[in-house]
């Protein structure tokens, strides 16, 4: 695929340093750029990192979305678009070195515009649910869009997942390829107060890690809770019933029938939510009490967001693929694609995924935290920097 990173973008975002490419502030020349995709020189033991950009189609207003491809030369390929920052494909090797796509998505922008269950997108300004689409802050009550029964979900009707993000710059070194994005959510968007200046970086490195870095600042007090909503299936097909999950959290946020937390942090011991020891996801998936059956629960991580730590680990016995999720957030939402239609959803490559054909591990603050004073900090004010990092790490294990 021929790169369409423009001369201006390269002048603004790339510089030749230390034998590779990395983000710099000063303009540089393009004299030593390779043809096609940008490529960093390999390190002593690594294959070259590459970064490419191509057109992904036009939105109804005529603006053009782009598709970015990062490769680390070790079999991991990450594709995403600046429309909603949707991760469209993520290829990882199995125990035999054969690569497969482990996320659900589509290969055209037009298919995303038809509607989808939040495949791969950034959720914001506040991910997950806010009860009754309402909260009170500094004596004023704010009313948000209601798009999940009586509640507000994932930023509303037109949240961050439906916005075209601006490229801030590129980064390409022997160890890491990254694209830096930015958008300003204006005061009043979806009912939220304040102008929120958001920056998100998607990066791939030589450790087979997909790294997401979030950074935001506001000019008025506002709730913030950003996450990525990728759907994973480590086998690349079928259901996730046999894939084995461990969650590093001994409690979860108990909820009412609308999945709004009651405020109780309930022990997972003796319940279908107990993944403190590795368990097949499908072993108790029909015993959670939800209708339709499955998981849609926020786990309270043992680290409580005080440090970057493992949130979850998933292994696929058939392929040998292993996914580890590391975060500095206090919670992770496990969702098991409970609401897929009976006929399933056909994704890239013509693969159809049924209900329970994928899992999400959404690193986050607790749902409805803005209405629960006992929950972790959910409101940021001018001068306070919102910063958080999540890492999706891929490895393999033997048979």
Protein backbone atom coordinates (compact mmCIF):
# COMPACT_ATOMS: atom_id res chain seq x y z
CA UNK A 1 0.00 0.00 0.00
CA UNK A 2 1.44 3.35 -1.01
CA UNK A 3 1.78 5.85 1.80
CA UNK A 4 -0.11 9.12 1.50
CA UNK A 5 1.53 10.85 4.44
CA UNK A 6 2.01 14.31 3.00
CA UNK A 7 5.18 16.35 2.83
CA UNK A 8 3.63 18.90 5.19
CA UNK A 9 2.71 16.21 7.75
CA UNK A 10 6.21 14.79 7.63
CA UNK A 11 7.75 18.24 8.02
CA UNK A 12 5.57 18.84 11.07
CA UNK A 13 5.88 15.46 12.68
CA UNK A 14 8.95 13.43 11.78
CA UNK A 15 12.68 13.85 12.21
CA UNK A 16 15.72 11.68 11.58
CA UNK A 17 17.39 10.86 14.89
CA UNK A 18 19.28 7.90 16.31
CA UNK A 19 19.06 5.92 13.09
CA UNK A 20 15.26 6.06 12.95
CA UNK A 21 12.26 8.37 12.93
CA UNK A 22 10.74 10.04 15.94
CA UNK A 23 8.46 12.92 16.78
CA UNK A 24 10.26 16.27 16.92
CA UNK A 25 9.18 19.89 17.16
CA UNK A 26 11.45 21.38 14.49
CA UNK A 27 10.83 21.01 10.72
CA UNK A 28 13.03 18.49 8.92
CA UNK A 29 13.71 17.46 5.35
CA UNK A 30 12.51 14.31 3.62
CA UNK A 31 15.80 13.48 1.92
CA UNK A 32 16.19 10.03 3.45
CA UNK A 33 12.56 8.92 3.56
CA UNK A 34 12.09 5.46 2.01
CA UNK A 35 9.51 4.94 -0.70
CA UNK A 36 6.03 3.89 0.38
CA UNK A 37 5.55 3.50 4.11
CA UNK A 38 7.88 5.18 6.56
CA UNK A 39 10.37 2.71 7.99
CA UNK A 40 12.74 2.97 10.92
CA UNK A 41 16.10 1.26 10.82
CA UNK A 42 16.16 -1.98 12.74
CA UNK A 43 17.83 -2.19 16.11
CA UNK A 44 20.52 -4.78 16.88
CA UNK A 45 18.00 -7.62 17.29
CA UNK A 46 14.77 -6.18 15.92
CA UNK A 47 13.07 -6.05 12.53
CA UNK A 48 12.19 -2.58 11.24
CA UNK A 49 9.14 -0.72 12.57
CA UNK A 50 6.92 0.72 9.83
CA UNK A 51 4.14 3.31 9.71
CA UNK A 52 1.78 3.92 6.81
CA UNK A 53 -1.28 6.08 6.10
CA UNK A 54 -3.90 5.56 3.38
CA UNK A 55 -7.36 6.91 2.60
CA UNK A 56 -10.22 5.12 4.36
CA UNK A 57 -13.12 6.93 2.70
CA UNK A 58 -15.23 10.04 3.06
CA UNK A 59 -17.74 11.01 5.71
CA UNK A 60 -21.18 12.42 4.81
CA UNK A 61 -19.87 15.99 5.23
CA UNK A 62 -17.15 15.33 2.65
CA UNK A 63 -14.24 15.14 5.08
CA UNK A 64 -11.83 12.27 4.56
CA UNK A 65 -10.92 9.63 7.09
CA UNK A 66 -7.52 7.94 7.04
CA UNK A 67 -6.36 4.42 7.85
CA UNK A 68 -3.06 3.99 9.67
CA UNK A 69 -1.02 0.78 9.70
CA UNK A 70 1.75 0.10 12.22
CA UNK A 71 3.97 -3.00 11.94
CA UNK A 72 6.73 -4.18 14.24
CA UNK A 73 8.28 -6.84 12.00
CA UNK A 74 7.48 -9.53 14.56
CA UNK A 75 4.05 -10.42 13.25
CA UNK A 76 1.98 -7.78 15.05
CA UNK A 77 0.09 -5.40 12.77
CA UNK A 78 -2.16 -2.65 14.11
CA UNK A 79 -4.65 -0.80 11.89
CA UNK A 80 -6.83 2.11 12.98
CA UNK A 81 -8.65 5.11 11.59
CA UNK A 82 -8.90 8.68 12.84
CA UNK A 83 -12.69 8.37 12.59
CA UNK A 84 -13.57 7.57 16.20
CA UNK A 85 -10.00 6.28 16.64
CA UNK A 86 -11.46 2.89 15.72
CA UNK A 87 -9.08 -0.07 15.80
CA UNK A 88 -10.06 -1.90 12.61
CA UNK A 89 -7.61 -4.83 12.70
CA UNK A 90 -4.99 -6.21 15.09
CA UNK A 91 -2.95 -9.16 13.85
CA UNK A 92 -0.92 -11.30 16.25
CA UNK A 93 1.00 -14.58 15.80
CA UNK A 94 -0.12 -17.89 17.27
CA UNK A 95 2.18 -20.48 18.85
CA UNK A 96 3.27 -21.62 15.35
CA UNK A 97 3.99 -18.12 14.13
CA UNK A 98 0.84 -17.88 12.00
CA UNK A 99 -0.76 -14.45 12.29
CA UNK A 100 -4.46 -13.85 12.72
CA UNK A 101 -6.76 -10.89 13.25
CA UNK A 102 -7.85 -10.86 16.90
CA UNK A 103 -10.26 -7.90 16.91
CA UNK A 104 -13.68 -7.45 15.34
CA UNK A 105 -14.15 -4.73 12.76
CA UNK A 106 -14.78 -3.83 9.13
CA UNK A 107 -12.56 -3.04 6.17
CA UNK A 108 -14.51 -0.01 4.90
CA UNK A 109 -15.59 3.26 6.44
CA UNK A 110 -18.99 2.90 4.80
CA UNK A 111 -19.69 -0.24 6.84
CA UNK A 112 -18.87 1.57 10.10
CA UNK A 113 -21.20 4.41 9.13
CA UNK A 114 -24.06 1.91 8.83
CA UNK A 115 -23.82 1.36 12.60
CA UNK A 116 -22.01 -1.12 14.82
CA UNK A 117 -21.77 -2.13 18.50
CA UNK A 118 -18.93 0.28 19.31
CA UNK A 119 -16.26 -1.80 17.59
CA UNK A 120 -12.76 -0.61 18.51
CA UNK A 121 -13.64 3.03 19.19
CA UNK A 122 -12.69 5.57 21.82
CA UNK A 123 -15.53 6.10 24.29
CA UNK A 124 -15.86 9.58 25.73
CA UNK A 125 -16.24 12.16 27.15
CA UNK A 126 -17.36 9.63 29.79
CA UNK A 127 -17.25 5.92 28.98
CA UNK A 128 -19.80 3.50 30.41
CA UNK A 129 -23.04 4.61 32.08
CA UNK A 130 -24.27 7.71 33.87
CA UNK A 131 -27.58 7.15 35.68
CA UNK A 132 -30.57 8.91 34.14
CA UNK A 133 -28.19 10.94 31.97
CA UNK A 134 -27.77 13.47 34.74
CA UNK A 135 -25.28 14.73 37.31
CA UNK A 136 -24.84 17.74 39.56
CA UNK A 137 -21.54 19.59 39.65
CA UNK A 138 -20.75 22.71 41.67
CA UNK A 139 -24.44 23.30 42.32
CA UNK A 140 -25.59 22.97 38.72
CA UNK A 141 -27.42 19.98 37.26
CA UNK A 142 -26.37 18.85 33.78
CA UNK A 143 -28.62 16.83 31.49
CA UNK A 144 -26.95 14.51 28.97
CA UNK A 145 -28.20 12.51 26.02
CA UNK A 146 -29.99 9.31 27.07
CA UNK A 147 -29.06 6.46 24.75
CA UNK A 148 -29.14 3.28 26.85
CA UNK A 149 -32.64 2.85 28.21
CA UNK A 150 -33.01 5.65 30.76
CA UNK A 151 -29.23 6.12 31.02
CA UNK A 152 -26.34 7.82 29.24
CA UNK A 153 -23.75 5.47 27.71
CA UNK A 154 -20.26 5.99 26.24
CA UNK A 155 -20.51 9.74 25.71
CA UNK A 156 -23.97 9.91 24.19
CA UNK A 157 -25.56 9.87 20.76
CA UNK A 158 -22.58 11.49 19.04
CA UNK A 159 -19.64 10.82 21.31
CA UNK A 160 -15.91 10.62 20.64
CA UNK A 161 -16.49 7.42 18.66
CA UNK A 162 -18.20 9.41 15.87
CA UNK A 163 -15.71 12.26 15.60
CA UNK A 164 -12.87 12.77 13.13
CA UNK A 165 -9.68 13.26 15.11
CA UNK A 166 -6.79 15.44 13.94
CA UNK A 167 -3.28 14.01 13.55
CA UNK A 168 -0.86 15.87 15.84
CA UNK A 169 2.25 14.02 14.73
CA UNK A 170 4.02 10.75 14.10
CA UNK A 171 6.69 8.84 15.97
CA UNK A 172 8.90 6.17 14.46
CA UNK A 173 12.02 4.77 16.11
CA UNK A 174 13.65 1.32 15.98
CA UNK A 175 11.52 0.36 19.01
CA UNK A 176 8.18 2.11 18.53
CA UNK A 177 5.74 3.45 15.95
CA UNK A 178 2.97 5.84 17.02
CA UNK A 179 0.40 8.32 15.82
CA UNK A 180 -0.65 11.21 18.05
CA UNK A 181 -4.24 12.49 17.76
CA UNK A 182 -6.13 15.47 19.15
CA UNK A 183 -9.64 16.87 19.30
CA UNK A 184 -11.29 19.59 21.38
CA UNK A 185 -14.72 18.64 22.69
CA UNK A 186 -16.55 21.98 22.89
CA UNK A 187 -18.44 23.26 25.90
CA UNK A 188 -21.94 21.76 25.86
CA UNK A 189 -21.15 18.84 23.55
CA UNK A 190 -23.61 16.07 24.43
CA UNK A 191 -24.50 18.18 27.49
CA UNK A 192 -21.05 18.20 29.14
CA UNK A 193 -19.59 21.39 30.61
CA UNK A 194 -16.29 22.93 29.54
CA UNK A 195 -14.00 22.76 26.55
CA UNK A 196 -12.06 19.50 26.84
CA UNK A 197 -8.75 19.33 24.98
CA UNK A 198 -8.02 15.64 24.39
CA UNK A 199 -4.92 13.92 23.07
CA UNK A 200 -4.73 10.19 22.40
CA UNK A 201 -1.70 8.24 21.17
CA UNK A 202 -1.88 4.81 19.57
CA UNK A 203 1.51 3.07 19.57
CA UNK A 204 2.98 -0.33 18.70
CA UNK A 205 6.37 -1.43 19.98
CA UNK A 206 8.87 -4.26 19.68
CA UNK A 207 7.48 -5.90 22.83
CA UNK A 208 4.29 -6.76 20.90
CA UNK A 209 2.42 -4.13 22.91
CA UNK A 210 -0.43 -1.94 21.69
CA UNK A 211 -0.12 1.11 23.93
CA UNK A 212 -2.85 3.74 24.36
CA UNK A 213 -1.93 7.01 26.05
CA UNK A 214 -4.66 9.47 27.04
CA UNK A 215 -4.10 13.10 28.00
CA UNK A 216 -6.80 15.72 28.55
CA UNK A 217 -7.26 19.18 30.07
CA UNK A 218 -10.37 21.28 30.64
CA UNK A 219 -11.26 24.92 31.21
CA UNK A 220 -14.24 24.04 33.46
CA UNK A 221 -14.94 21.28 35.93
CA UNK A 222 -16.14 18.23 33.98
CA UNK A 223 -16.24 14.44 34.34
CA UNK A 224 -13.75 12.50 32.21
CA UNK A 225 -13.45 8.76 31.65
CA UNK A 226 -11.83 7.62 28.39
CA UNK A 227 -11.43 4.04 27.19
CA UNK A 228 -11.01 1.93 24.08
CA UNK A 229 -13.84 -0.46 23.22
CA UNK A 230 -12.10 -3.13 21.13
CA UNK A 231 -13.75 -6.53 20.84
CA UNK A 232 -11.23 -9.39 21.04
CA UNK A 233 -11.36 -13.01 19.96
CA UNK A 234 -7.92 -14.60 20.28
CA UNK A 235 -8.91 -17.48 17.99
CA UNK A 236 -10.15 -15.09 15.32
CA UNK A 237 -13.41 -17.02 14.91
CA UNK A 238 -16.16 -18.85 16.78
CA UNK A 239 -17.11 -18.12 20.38
CA UNK A 240 -14.88 -17.13 23.28
CA UNK A 241 -16.30 -19.80 25.60
CA UNK A 242 -13.05 -21.81 25.78
CA UNK A 243 -10.75 -18.81 26.10
CA UNK A 244 -9.41 -18.57 29.63
CA UNK A 245 -9.66 -15.33 31.63
CA UNK A 246 -7.99 -14.15 34.81
CA UNK A 247 -8.94 -10.77 36.31
CA UNK A 248 -6.74 -9.19 38.96
CA UNK A 249 -9.63 -7.93 41.03
CA UNK A 250 -11.40 -9.55 43.98
CA UNK A 251 -14.45 -7.26 43.89
CA UNK A 252 -16.90 -5.84 41.38
CA UNK A 253 -19.37 -2.98 41.40
CA UNK A 254 -22.82 -4.43 42.14
CA UNK A 255 -25.51 -2.92 39.90
CA UNK A 256 -29.24 -2.51 39.54
CA UNK A 257 -31.22 -3.91 36.62
CA UNK A 258 -30.08 -1.03 34.41
CA UNK A 259 -26.41 -1.86 35.15
CA UNK A 260 -26.01 1.29 37.25
CA UNK A 261 -23.77 0.66 40.30
CA UNK A 262 -25.53 0.68 43.65
CA UNK A 263 -22.34 1.83 45.37
CA UNK A 264 -21.57 -1.58 46.85
CA UNK A 265 -18.20 -3.15 46.05
CA UNK A 266 -19.11 -6.82 46.23
CA UNK A 267 -16.68 -9.75 46.61
CA UNK A 268 -16.45 -11.99 43.55
CA UNK A 269 -15.80 -15.09 45.66
CA UNK A 270 -18.53 -17.69 45.20
CA UNK A 271 -20.09 -15.88 42.24
CA UNK A 272 -19.87 -16.26 38.43
CA UNK A 273 -17.74 -13.08 38.53
CA UNK A 274 -14.83 -14.87 40.20
CA UNK A 275 -11.92 -14.86 37.75
CA UNK A 276 -9.25 -14.44 40.40
CA UNK A 277 -8.03 -17.82 39.19
CA UNK A 278 -8.03 -18.58 35.43
CA UNK A 279 -11.44 -19.75 34.23
CA UNK A 280 -12.94 -20.43 30.77
CA UNK A 281 -15.08 -17.42 29.94
CA UNK A 282 -17.98 -19.67 28.96
CA UNK A 283 -17.96 -21.80 32.10
CA UNK A 284 -20.51 -19.62 33.95
CA UNK A 285 -21.49 -17.14 31.26
CA UNK A 286 -25.17 -18.14 31.50
CA UNK A 287 -25.31 -17.73 35.29
CA UNK A 288 -24.67 -14.00 35.70
CA UNK A 289 -28.36 -13.10 35.83
CA UNK A 290 -28.24 -10.82 32.80
CA UNK A 291 -30.74 -11.01 29.94
CA UNK A 292 -29.41 -11.69 27.37
CA UNK A 293 -26.92 -13.87 29.19
CA UNK A 294 -23.28 -12.91 29.57
CA UNK A 295 -20.93 -10.53 31.32
CA UNK A 296 -21.25 -6.77 31.43
CA UNK A 297 -19.54 -6.05 34.74
CA UNK A 298 -16.98 -3.63 36.13
CA UNK A 299 -14.24 -5.27 38.17
CA UNK A 300 -12.50 -3.37 40.95
CA UNK A 301 -8.81 -3.92 40.29
CA UNK A 302 -6.60 -4.86 43.22
CA UNK A 303 -4.23 -2.05 42.24
CA UNK A 304 -7.13 0.47 42.51
CA UNK A 305 -5.40 2.66 39.92
CA UNK A 306 -2.57 3.61 42.25
CA UNK A 307 0.02 2.21 39.85
CA UNK A 308 0.27 0.59 36.46
CA UNK A 309 -0.51 -3.09 36.97
CA UNK A 310 -2.02 -6.13 35.29
CA UNK A 311 -5.79 -5.90 35.02
CA UNK A 312 -6.47 -9.14 33.14
CA UNK A 313 -4.91 -12.00 31.21
CA UNK A 314 -6.66 -14.07 28.52
CA UNK A 315 -5.28 -17.22 26.89
CA UNK A 316 -6.63 -19.18 23.94
CA UNK A 317 -5.75 -22.87 24.35
CA UNK A 318 -6.34 -23.58 20.64
CA UNK A 319 -4.00 -20.97 19.15
CA UNK A 320 -1.69 -20.39 22.12
CA UNK A 321 -2.26 -16.63 21.92
CA UNK A 322 -2.07 -14.71 25.19
CA UNK A 323 -3.37 -11.20 25.83
CA UNK A 324 -2.36 -9.24 28.91
CA UNK A 325 -4.03 -5.94 29.78
CA UNK A 326 -2.10 -3.49 31.93
CA UNK A 327 -3.49 -0.18 33.17
CA UNK A 328 -3.28 2.54 35.80
CA UNK A 329 -7.08 2.80 35.93
CA UNK A 330 -9.08 1.51 38.94
CA UNK A 331 -11.47 -0.71 36.99
CA UNK A 332 -11.97 -2.88 33.93
CA UNK A 333 -15.31 -3.69 32.30
CA UNK A 334 -15.75 -7.21 30.96
CA UNK A 335 -18.33 -7.36 28.18
CA UNK A 336 -18.99 -10.54 26.19
CA UNK A 337 -20.91 -9.30 23.11
CA UNK A 338 -24.20 -10.37 24.65
CA UNK A 339 -26.35 -8.29 22.31
CA UNK A 340 -25.11 -9.52 18.94
CA UNK A 341 -27.99 -10.43 16.61
CA UNK A 342 -29.02 -14.06 16.29
CA UNK A 343 -27.41 -14.29 12.85
CA UNK A 344 -24.15 -12.82 14.18
CA UNK A 345 -22.12 -9.94 12.73
CA UNK A 346 -19.96 -10.44 9.64
CA UNK A 347 -16.61 -8.70 9.99
CA UNK A 348 -13.37 -8.25 8.05
CA UNK A 349 -12.48 -11.29 5.94
CA UNK A 350 -16.08 -12.48 5.87
CA UNK A 351 -15.85 -13.98 9.37
CA UNK A 352 -19.20 -14.03 11.19
CA UNK A 353 -19.14 -13.73 14.97
CA UNK A 354 -22.10 -14.93 17.08
CA UNK A 355 -23.22 -13.73 20.48
CA UNK A 356 -20.36 -14.41 22.89
CA UNK A 357 -18.06 -14.27 19.88
CA UNK A 358 -15.83 -11.63 21.46
CA UNK A 359 -14.89 -10.01 24.75
CA UNK A 360 -14.10 -6.42 25.67
CA UNK A 361 -11.76 -5.43 28.50
CA UNK A 362 -12.42 -1.71 28.89
CA UNK A 363 -10.00 -0.09 31.32
CA UNK A 364 -11.85 2.69 33.10
CA UNK A 365 -13.10 4.51 36.14
CA UNK A 366 -16.18 2.95 37.72
CA UNK A 367 -19.54 3.48 35.96
CA UNK A 368 -21.62 6.42 37.23
CA UNK A 369 -18.66 7.61 39.32
CA UNK A 370 -19.77 11.24 38.88
CA UNK A 371 -22.86 10.39 40.96
CA UNK A 372 -21.05 8.24 43.52
CA UNK A 373 -18.83 10.28 45.91
CA UNK A 374 -17.32 7.06 47.31
CA UNK A 375 -15.99 6.04 43.86
CA UNK A 376 -12.59 7.15 42.51
CA UNK A 377 -12.06 10.70 41.28
CA UNK A 378 -14.17 11.39 38.20
CA UNK A 379 -14.15 15.20 37.84
CA UNK A 380 -11.22 17.22 36.51
CA UNK A 381 -10.82 20.98 36.88
CA UNK A 382 -8.75 23.66 35.15
CA UNK A 383 -5.06 23.11 35.83
CA UNK A 384 -5.49 19.38 36.49
CA UNK A 385 -4.08 16.99 33.89
CA UNK A 386 -5.98 13.81 33.08
CA UNK A 387 -3.36 11.22 32.11
CA UNK A 388 -3.73 7.48 31.84
CA UNK A 389 -2.14 4.60 29.93
CA UNK A 390 -3.39 1.17 28.92
CA UNK A 391 -1.27 -1.58 27.36
CA UNK A 392 -2.55 -4.60 25.42
CA UNK A 393 0.37 -7.06 25.32
CA UNK A 394 0.49 -10.16 23.08
CA UNK A 395 2.47 -13.33 23.66
CA UNK A 396 2.13 -17.07 23.06
CA UNK A 397 2.24 -20.24 25.11
CA UNK A 398 2.92 -23.84 24.14
CA UNK A 399 0.33 -26.54 23.64
